[in-house]
C-alpha cells in the first residue's frame, strides 16, 4: 500500500474521529499531518507550509473587528432598527430576515458569527411577534449562508487563499453571486412551504421605541463602512485593515477588548488551518490526485460539476464546510480540471462545491442546524423532547432537499453563470 492511499485513510480517520468524539479536528489534523508527513519522508518545513499564516491573520482580524461590533451591541441594534422599518407590514419579515442576514454576513462576520447572531435574534423575534420561529430562523440562517462568500467574509477569503497556489484569482464576485443565488432559491422554497406571504405579527417592533445608536456604535459603523469601501473599492488587504479598525475602536474605548477576543472563533480558525495543513501533506503524498483520478473515471464533462456538488453536500452533513469540505475538495477540483484538459471550469466547480456544501449546512448534524435548534430551546424554556425530535427530522429533510436542488442547479450549469462573470 503506497502513501497516497495511506494519506486518504488518515484523512477519513481524522474526520470520523472528530465526528464521533465531537473533537476539533483542526488540532488533530496538525498532529496527523506531522506523523503522516514524517512517515512519507517530508521535511518539517514542507509539512508546516500547509498552514496558511496569511489566511489565519486575515480571519483573526476580521472576526476580532466584528466581535467588537457584536460586543458593543452595534449589530443587534442595527438589526432591530431594520426590522422595525417594516412596521405593520410584517409579511415582509421573512424577506427582510434573509436580506439582513445576507448583508451582515457579507460585510465581514461570515456565516458563523452572522448565523449565530441573526438566527438567535430571529427566534426570539418570532416568539415576541408570535410568528413561526422555525421558519424565521431558517430565513436568517439561509441568508447568513447565502451572503458568506463575499470577498470580505471568511468563506470568500478562504476560497481565495485555497486557489492562489494554482494561480487562480479574480473569481470573488462569481463565487459570491452563485452562493447568494443558491441560498435565495431555497429560501423561496421555504417561503412557499411555510406560507411566508401570510405572516401576521401581533406585536410589531416600533422604530420609536428602539434606542438611538450611541457614540461607540456610530464609530463602529463608520469603521465597518470604511472597511467595505477601502477593501472592495480600493482592494486593500481585508485582514490588515480589520486590525487597523479594531485598534481604532480599542483606542477610542468603543468595545471591551477581552469580550471581543473571546468572540473570535479560535476553534473554527484552527480547524480551517489544521485541515489545510493535513490536506497539503496528502497532496504532496499523491492522495488528492488519487481521488481526482477516481472521480474523473466516473465523470464526463457534463457530469463533473453535479458529482462534485453532491460529494460536497454529503461530506458537509458530517463535517464543516470551511473547516473540511473546502480545504479537501478545492485541490481535487483543480486536479479534475487538469484531467479534463480544461473542459471543466475550476470556478464553476468550486462555486458548486461551496454553494452545495452550505446547502447541507442547515442539517441538525452541522453548525447551522444546531444553532437553530439551540436557539429555539433557549427561547422556549418548556420545549419538549418530541418538539426537538421533530425539528431534527424536519431540518435534516430540508437539508437533503436543499442539496438535491443544488445538484440539479449544478447539472444545468447554473454555477457557471453563463460565463458572464
Protein backbone atom coordinates (compact mmCIF):
# COMPACT_ATOMS: atom_id res chain seq x y z
CA UNK A 1 0.00 0.00 0.00
CA UNK A 2 1.51 3.33 -1.06
CA UNK A 3 1.35 6.60 0.82
CA UNK A 4 -1.33 8.09 -1.43
CA UNK A 5 -3.81 5.52 -0.11
CA UNK A 6 -2.49 5.74 3.44
CA UNK A 7 -2.89 9.53 3.41
CA UNK A 8 -6.56 9.22 2.40
CA UNK A 9 -7.19 6.68 5.14
CA UNK A 10 -5.65 9.10 7.64
CA UNK A 11 -7.99 11.88 6.45
CA UNK A 12 -11.01 9.57 6.74
CA UNK A 13 -9.89 8.56 10.23
CA UNK A 14 -9.45 12.19 11.33
CA UNK A 15 -12.92 13.17 10.08
CA UNK A 16 -14.54 10.06 11.59
CA UNK A 17 -12.91 10.51 14.99
CA UNK A 18 -13.82 14.21 15.02
CA UNK A 19 -17.45 13.43 14.20
CA UNK A 20 -17.85 10.53 16.62
CA UNK A 21 -15.89 12.01 19.52
CA UNK A 22 -17.05 15.62 18.89
CA UNK A 23 -13.42 16.82 18.79
CA UNK A 24 -11.98 19.83 16.97
CA UNK A 25 -10.25 18.09 14.09
CA UNK A 26 -8.00 21.11 13.44
CA UNK A 27 -5.55 20.23 16.21
CA UNK A 28 -5.98 16.54 15.45
CA UNK A 29 -5.18 17.24 11.78
CA UNK A 30 -1.93 19.04 12.53
CA UNK A 31 -0.73 16.11 14.65
CA UNK A 32 -1.80 13.65 11.95
CA UNK A 33 -0.08 15.79 9.28
CA UNK A 34 3.17 15.69 11.22
CA UNK A 35 3.15 11.91 11.70
CA UNK A 36 1.99 11.23 8.13
CA UNK A 37 4.49 13.67 6.64
CA UNK A 38 7.42 12.27 8.61
CA UNK A 39 6.43 8.73 7.60
CA UNK A 40 6.26 9.91 3.99
CA UNK A 41 9.76 11.46 4.27
CA UNK A 42 8.62 15.09 4.12
CA UNK A 43 10.58 17.73 5.96
CA UNK A 44 9.10 19.74 8.82
CA UNK A 45 9.23 22.81 6.56
CA UNK A 46 7.19 21.05 3.88
CA UNK A 47 4.62 19.96 6.45
CA UNK A 48 4.25 23.40 8.07
CA UNK A 49 3.98 25.12 4.67
CA UNK A 50 0.38 23.93 4.52
CA UNK A 51 -0.56 26.13 7.48
CA UNK A 52 -1.63 29.41 5.85
CA UNK A 53 -0.38 32.15 8.16
CA UNK A 54 -1.75 34.90 5.90
CA UNK A 55 -5.22 33.39 5.97
CA UNK A 56 -5.05 32.92 9.74
CA UNK A 57 -4.10 36.58 10.25
CA UNK A 58 -6.87 37.74 7.92
CA UNK A 59 -9.55 35.68 9.62
CA UNK A 60 -8.44 36.72 13.11
CA UNK A 61 -8.50 40.39 12.10
CA UNK A 62 -11.98 40.23 10.57
CA UNK A 63 -13.55 38.19 13.38
CA UNK A 64 -11.88 40.40 16.03
CA UNK A 65 -13.32 43.56 14.47
CA UNK A 66 -16.81 42.14 14.22
CA UNK A 67 -16.51 40.65 17.67
CA UNK A 68 -16.29 44.23 18.88
CA UNK A 69 -19.29 45.23 16.76
CA UNK A 70 -21.24 42.44 18.37
CA UNK A 71 -19.97 43.09 21.90
CA UNK A 72 -20.95 46.77 21.92
CA UNK A 73 -24.41 45.98 20.54
CA UNK A 74 -23.96 47.60 17.12
CA UNK A 75 -25.06 44.61 15.05
CA UNK A 76 -28.01 43.74 17.28
CA UNK A 77 -29.35 47.31 17.39
CA UNK A 78 -28.83 47.71 13.64
CA UNK A 79 -30.87 44.54 13.05
CA UNK A 80 -33.73 45.71 15.26
CA UNK A 81 -33.92 49.09 13.54
CA UNK A 82 -34.05 47.49 10.10
CA UNK A 83 -36.77 45.03 11.14
CA UNK A 84 -38.77 47.87 12.72
CA UNK A 85 -38.86 49.66 9.36
CA UNK A 86 -41.46 47.21 8.04
CA UNK A 87 -43.90 48.39 10.71
CA UNK A 88 -47.24 46.65 10.35
CA UNK A 89 -46.25 45.13 7.01
CA UNK A 90 -44.98 42.08 8.86
CA UNK A 91 -45.40 39.85 5.81
CA UNK A 92 -42.10 41.42 4.73
CA UNK A 93 -40.24 39.99 7.74
CA UNK A 94 -39.27 36.69 6.02
CA UNK A 95 -37.73 38.59 3.09
CA UNK A 96 -36.10 41.09 5.41
CA UNK A 97 -34.57 38.38 7.63
CA UNK A 98 -32.89 36.79 4.60
CA UNK A 99 -31.63 40.07 3.16
CA UNK A 100 -30.43 41.43 6.50
CA UNK A 101 -28.62 38.20 7.41
CA UNK A 102 -27.00 38.00 3.99
CA UNK A 103 -25.87 41.63 4.23
CA UNK A 104 -24.37 41.26 7.72
CA UNK A 105 -22.67 38.00 6.72
CA UNK A 106 -21.26 39.54 3.52
CA UNK A 107 -19.66 42.62 5.07
CA UNK A 108 -17.35 40.55 7.25
CA UNK A 109 -18.72 38.38 10.07
CA UNK A 110 -19.39 35.37 7.82
CA UNK A 111 -21.83 32.51 8.23
CA UNK A 112 -20.75 31.52 11.76
CA UNK A 113 -20.92 34.89 13.52
CA UNK A 114 -23.82 36.21 11.44
CA UNK A 115 -25.57 32.88 11.71
CA UNK A 116 -25.40 32.82 15.49
CA UNK A 117 -26.36 36.48 15.82
CA UNK A 118 -29.20 36.53 13.31
CA UNK A 119 -30.62 33.07 13.99
CA UNK A 120 -30.81 33.76 17.72
CA UNK A 121 -32.30 37.19 17.00
CA UNK A 122 -34.80 35.63 14.57
CA UNK A 123 -36.05 33.02 17.05
CA UNK A 124 -36.55 35.50 19.88
CA UNK A 125 -38.16 37.96 17.46
CA UNK A 126 -40.54 35.26 16.24
CA UNK A 127 -41.68 34.40 19.75
CA UNK A 128 -42.13 38.10 20.55
CA UNK A 129 -44.16 38.72 17.38
CA UNK A 130 -45.96 35.36 17.68
CA UNK A 131 -44.92 34.10 14.25
CA UNK A 132 -43.35 30.77 13.22
CA UNK A 133 -39.90 30.59 14.92
CA UNK A 134 -38.69 27.66 12.81
CA UNK A 135 -39.38 29.43 9.52
CA UNK A 136 -38.00 32.76 10.77
CA UNK A 137 -34.79 31.05 11.93
CA UNK A 138 -34.43 29.34 8.56
CA UNK A 139 -34.74 32.65 6.68
CA UNK A 140 -31.98 34.08 8.87
CA UNK A 141 -29.62 31.09 8.61
CA UNK A 142 -30.14 30.66 4.88
CA UNK A 143 -29.37 34.36 4.48
CA UNK A 144 -26.21 34.11 6.57
CA UNK A 145 -25.03 31.17 4.45
CA UNK A 146 -26.01 32.88 1.20
CA UNK A 147 -24.01 36.04 1.90
CA UNK A 148 -20.91 34.42 3.38
CA UNK A 149 -18.87 34.02 0.20
CA UNK A 150 -18.21 37.72 -0.35
CA UNK A 151 -14.55 38.78 -0.73
CA UNK A 152 -14.73 40.34 2.77
CA UNK A 153 -16.10 37.29 4.53
CA UNK A 154 -14.50 34.14 5.93
CA UNK A 155 -15.59 31.86 3.10
CA UNK A 156 -14.53 34.25 0.36
CA UNK A 157 -11.14 34.79 2.00
CA UNK A 158 -10.67 31.03 2.38
CA UNK A 159 -11.61 30.37 -1.26
CA UNK A 160 -9.10 32.98 -2.42
CA UNK A 161 -6.30 31.53 -0.30
CA UNK A 162 -7.04 27.95 -1.35
CA UNK A 163 -6.95 28.92 -5.04
CA UNK A 164 -3.90 31.20 -5.04
CA UNK A 165 -1.38 28.30 -5.18
CA UNK A 166 -2.87 27.38 -8.58
CA UNK A 167 -2.53 30.94 -9.86
CA UNK A 168 -6.30 31.40 -9.96
CA UNK A 169 -7.81 34.65 -8.73
CA UNK A 170 -10.43 37.23 -9.60
CA UNK A 171 -13.43 34.95 -9.07
CA UNK A 172 -14.68 36.63 -5.89
CA UNK A 173 -17.80 38.16 -7.43
CA UNK A 174 -18.67 34.91 -9.20
CA UNK A 175 -18.42 32.82 -6.03
CA UNK A 176 -20.42 35.36 -4.05
CA UNK A 177 -23.24 35.57 -6.60
CA UNK A 178 -23.58 31.80 -7.05
CA UNK A 179 -23.71 31.18 -3.31
CA UNK A 180 -26.23 34.00 -2.97
CA UNK A 181 -28.39 32.52 -5.76
CA UNK A 182 -28.27 29.08 -4.14
CA UNK A 183 -29.42 30.44 -0.79
CA UNK A 184 -32.10 32.61 -2.36
CA UNK A 185 -33.60 29.72 -4.35
CA UNK A 186 -34.10 27.54 -1.28
CA UNK A 187 -35.32 30.49 0.77
CA UNK A 188 -38.08 30.86 -1.82
CA UNK A 189 -38.91 27.18 -1.31
CA UNK A 190 -39.10 27.68 2.47
CA UNK A 191 -41.11 30.88 1.95
CA UNK A 192 -43.77 28.96 0.00
CA UNK A 193 -43.60 25.88 2.26
CA UNK A 194 -44.20 27.91 5.42
CA UNK A 195 -46.52 30.42 3.71
CA UNK A 196 -44.29 33.38 4.49
CA UNK A 197 -46.58 35.62 2.47
CA UNK A 198 -49.24 35.16 5.19
CA UNK A 199 -47.07 36.19 8.14
CA UNK A 200 -49.04 38.42 10.51
CA UNK A 201 -47.43 39.62 13.72
CA UNK A 202 -49.43 40.58 16.79
CA UNK A 203 -46.77 42.89 18.20
CA UNK A 204 -44.58 44.51 15.53
CA UNK A 205 -41.41 46.34 16.53
CA UNK A 206 -41.78 50.11 16.68
CA UNK A 207 -38.86 52.22 15.50
CA UNK A 208 -39.58 55.00 18.01
CA UNK A 209 -39.27 52.52 20.89
CA UNK A 210 -35.79 51.37 19.83
CA UNK A 211 -32.89 53.40 21.30
CA UNK A 212 -30.62 55.52 19.11
CA UNK A 213 -27.07 54.47 18.29
CA UNK A 214 -24.63 55.66 20.94
CA UNK A 215 -21.18 57.15 20.32
CA UNK A 216 -19.39 53.78 20.35
CA UNK A 217 -21.86 52.21 17.93
CA UNK A 218 -21.69 55.12 15.49
CA UNK A 219 -17.88 54.91 15.39
CA UNK A 220 -18.10 51.14 14.89
CA UNK A 221 -20.48 51.56 11.95
CA UNK A 222 -18.16 54.14 10.41
CA UNK A 223 -15.19 51.76 10.69
CA UNK A 224 -17.15 48.93 9.05
CA UNK A 225 -18.30 51.27 6.26
CA UNK A 226 -14.70 52.37 5.63
CA UNK A 227 -13.54 48.75 5.54
CA UNK A 228 -16.12 47.92 2.87
CA UNK A 229 -15.11 50.97 0.80
CA UNK A 230 -11.34 50.52 1.06
CA UNK A 231 -11.21 46.73 0.81
CA UNK A 232 -13.69 46.26 -2.01
CA UNK A 233 -13.28 49.58 -3.81
CA UNK A 234 -9.51 50.02 -3.39
CA UNK A 235 -8.56 46.34 -2.96
CA UNK A 236 -6.77 46.83 0.35
CA UNK A 237 -5.92 43.78 2.45
CA UNK A 238 -9.05 42.92 4.42
CA UNK A 239 -7.38 41.33 7.43
CA UNK A 240 -4.81 44.07 7.96
CA UNK A 241 -7.42 46.81 7.54
CA UNK A 242 -9.61 45.00 10.08
CA UNK A 243 -6.75 45.11 12.59
CA UNK A 244 -6.38 48.85 11.99
CA UNK A 245 -10.11 49.31 12.53
CA UNK A 246 -10.00 47.17 15.66
CA UNK A 247 -7.08 49.20 17.02
CA UNK A 248 -9.02 52.43 16.47
CA UNK A 249 -12.03 51.02 18.33
CA UNK A 250 -9.80 49.95 21.22
CA UNK A 251 -8.10 53.34 21.44
CA UNK A 252 -11.46 55.12 21.44
CA UNK A 253 -12.81 52.65 24.03
CA UNK A 254 -15.67 51.57 21.78
CA UNK A 255 -15.68 47.95 22.92
CA UNK A 256 -14.33 45.65 25.58
CA UNK A 257 -11.13 44.01 24.35
CA UNK A 258 -11.47 40.81 26.38
CA UNK A 259 -15.05 40.22 25.27
CA UNK A 260 -14.09 40.75 21.62
CA UNK A 261 -11.15 38.34 21.88
CA UNK A 262 -13.39 35.69 23.41
CA UNK A 263 -15.77 36.10 20.46
CA UNK A 264 -13.09 35.10 17.93
CA UNK A 265 -13.94 31.54 16.78
CA UNK A 266 -10.49 30.16 17.56
CA UNK A 267 -11.70 26.59 17.21
CA UNK A 268 -13.03 27.23 13.71
CA UNK A 269 -9.86 29.04 12.63
CA UNK A 270 -7.69 26.18 13.88
CA UNK A 271 -9.98 23.70 12.14
CA UNK A 272 -9.61 25.51 8.82
CA UNK A 273 -5.83 25.88 9.06
CA UNK A 274 -5.29 22.46 10.63
CA UNK A 275 -7.22 20.57 7.95
CA UNK A 276 -5.46 22.70 5.34
CA UNK A 277 -2.12 21.54 6.74
CA UNK A 278 -3.19 17.89 6.55
CA UNK A 279 -4.60 18.25 3.02
CA UNK A 280 -1.32 19.85 1.93
CA UNK A 281 0.58 16.77 3.16
CA UNK A 282 -1.97 14.47 1.48
CA UNK A 283 -1.49 16.42 -1.76
CA UNK A 284 2.30 16.05 -1.58
CA UNK A 285 1.91 12.30 -1.00
CA UNK A 286 -0.39 11.86 -4.00
CA UNK A 287 -3.68 11.35 -2.18
CA UNK A 288 -5.52 14.23 -3.85
CA UNK A 289 -4.50 13.05 -7.32
CA UNK A 290 -5.68 9.53 -6.49
CA UNK A 291 -9.16 10.81 -5.52
CA UNK A 292 -9.40 13.14 -8.50
CA UNK A 293 -8.41 10.32 -10.88
CA UNK A 294 -11.05 8.05 -9.31
CA UNK A 295 -13.78 10.68 -9.57
CA UNK A 296 -12.72 11.60 -13.09
CA UNK A 297 -13.08 7.97 -14.14
CA UNK A 298 -16.79 8.17 -13.24
CA UNK A 299 -17.33 11.61 -14.74
CA UNK A 300 -17.92 13.13 -18.11
CA UNK A 301 -17.58 16.80 -18.89
CA UNK A 302 -21.34 17.10 -18.34
CA UNK A 303 -21.49 15.24 -15.01
CA UNK A 304 -18.32 16.55 -13.33
CA UNK A 305 -19.97 19.56 -11.69
CA UNK A 306 -23.07 17.80 -10.28
CA UNK A 307 -20.96 14.88 -8.97
CA UNK A 308 -18.66 17.30 -7.13
CA UNK A 309 -21.69 19.22 -5.85
CA UNK A 310 -23.25 16.01 -4.48
CA UNK A 311 -19.92 14.99 -2.92
CA UNK A 312 -19.61 18.32 -1.12
CA UNK A 313 -23.19 18.15 0.16
CA UNK A 314 -22.81 14.64 1.54
CA UNK A 315 -19.48 15.48 3.19
CA UNK A 316 -20.95 18.65 4.69
CA UNK A 317 -23.65 16.65 6.50
CA UNK A 318 -20.99 15.29 8.85
CA UNK A 319 -18.29 17.96 8.71
CA UNK A 320 -17.61 21.68 8.39
CA UNK A 321 -17.83 23.48 5.04
CA UNK A 322 -14.97 25.88 5.70
CA UNK A 323 -13.06 23.53 8.02
CA UNK A 324 -13.15 20.34 5.96
CA UNK A 325 -15.10 20.43 2.69
CA UNK A 326 -13.44 23.39 1.00
CA UNK A 327 -9.83 22.56 2.01
CA UNK A 328 -10.36 18.93 0.94
CA UNK A 329 -12.30 19.43 -2.33
CA UNK A 330 -10.73 22.55 -3.84
CA UNK A 331 -7.43 20.73 -4.62
CA UNK A 332 -9.44 17.83 -6.09
CA UNK A 333 -11.38 20.31 -8.24
CA UNK A 334 -8.11 21.67 -9.61
CA UNK A 335 -6.89 18.16 -10.45
CA UNK A 336 -10.19 17.36 -12.19
CA UNK A 337 -9.83 20.46 -14.36
CA UNK A 338 -6.43 19.15 -15.43
CA UNK A 339 -7.77 15.65 -16.07
CA UNK A 340 -10.38 17.04 -18.46
CA UNK A 341 -7.91 19.32 -20.19
CA UNK A 342 -9.68 22.47 -19.06
CA UNK A 343 -13.07 21.44 -20.49
CA UNK A 344 -14.49 21.75 -16.97
CA UNK A 345 -14.15 25.17 -15.36
CA UNK A 346 -12.41 25.47 -11.99
CA UNK A 347 -14.54 28.43 -10.88
CA UNK A 348 -17.78 26.61 -11.76
CA UNK A 349 -16.59 23.56 -9.81
CA UNK A 350 -15.67 25.44 -6.64
CA UNK A 351 -18.86 27.51 -6.86
CA UNK A 352 -20.93 24.31 -6.95
CA UNK A 353 -18.87 22.79 -4.13
CA UNK A 354 -19.21 25.85 -1.91
CA UNK A 355 -22.90 26.52 -2.52
CA UNK A 356 -23.97 22.88 -2.15
CA UNK A 357 -21.91 22.43 0.98
CA UNK A 358 -23.67 25.39 2.57
CA UNK A 359 -26.98 23.98 1.31
CA UNK A 360 -26.33 20.96 3.53
CA UNK A 361 -25.34 23.16 6.46
CA UNK A 362 -28.89 23.59 7.76
CA UNK A 363 -28.74 19.94 8.80
CA UNK A 364 -29.01 19.43 12.60
CA UNK A 365 -25.76 17.46 12.34
CA UNK A 366 -23.97 20.64 11.24
CA UNK A 367 -23.40 24.00 12.90
CA UNK A 368 -26.29 25.75 11.11
CA UNK A 369 -28.99 23.31 12.15
CA UNK A 370 -27.57 23.04 15.65
CA UNK A 371 -27.77 26.84 16.04
CA UNK A 372 -31.45 26.81 15.04
CA UNK A 373 -32.28 24.02 17.50
CA UNK A 374 -30.32 25.50 20.39
CA UNK A 375 -31.79 28.99 19.83
CA UNK A 376 -35.30 27.55 19.80
CA UNK A 377 -34.83 25.58 23.02
CA UNK A 378 -33.22 28.59 24.72
CA UNK A 379 -36.09 30.91 23.74
CA UNK A 380 -38.79 28.38 24.66
CA UNK A 381 -37.89 27.00 28.08
CA UNK A 382 -40.64 24.37 28.04
CA UNK A 383 -39.52 22.78 24.77
CA UNK A 384 -40.37 19.06 24.78
CA UNK A 385 -38.27 16.15 23.55
CA UNK A 386 -40.92 15.46 20.92
CA UNK A 387 -40.58 19.03 19.57
CA UNK A 388 -36.80 18.73 19.34
CA UNK A 389 -37.01 15.34 17.63
CA UNK A 390 -39.49 16.70 15.11
CA UNK A 391 -37.29 19.73 14.48
CA UNK A 392 -34.27 17.44 13.98
CA UNK A 393 -36.14 15.40 11.36
CA UNK A 394 -37.51 18.48 9.59
CA UNK A 395 -34.13 20.22 9.38
CA UNK A 396 -32.43 17.12 8.02
CA UNK A 397 -35.10 16.56 5.36
CA UNK A 398 -34.89 20.23 4.36
CA UNK A 399 -31.12 19.87 4.14
CA UNK A 400 -31.47 16.84 1.84
CA UNK A 401 -33.93 18.76 -0.35
CA UNK A 402 -31.59 21.75 -0.48
CA UNK A 403 -28.65 19.59 -1.57
CA UNK A 404 -30.83 17.94 -4.21
CA UNK A 405 -31.87 21.30 -5.65
CA UNK A 406 -28.24 22.42 -5.78
CA UNK A 407 -27.17 19.24 -7.58
CA UNK A 408 -29.87 19.93 -10.18
CA UNK A 409 -28.64 23.52 -10.47
CA UNK A 410 -25.11 22.17 -10.98
CA UNK A 411 -26.33 19.76 -13.67
CA UNK A 412 -27.88 22.60 -15.69
CA UNK A 413 -24.75 24.73 -15.14
CA UNK A 414 -26.33 27.49 -13.08
CA UNK A 415 -23.00 27.84 -11.24
CA UNK A 416 -21.27 28.83 -14.48
CA UNK A 417 -23.45 31.97 -14.57
CA UNK A 418 -23.50 31.70 -18.35
CA UNK A 419 -19.86 32.77 -18.40
CA UNK A 420 -20.92 36.35 -17.70
CA UNK A 421 -18.64 36.76 -14.66
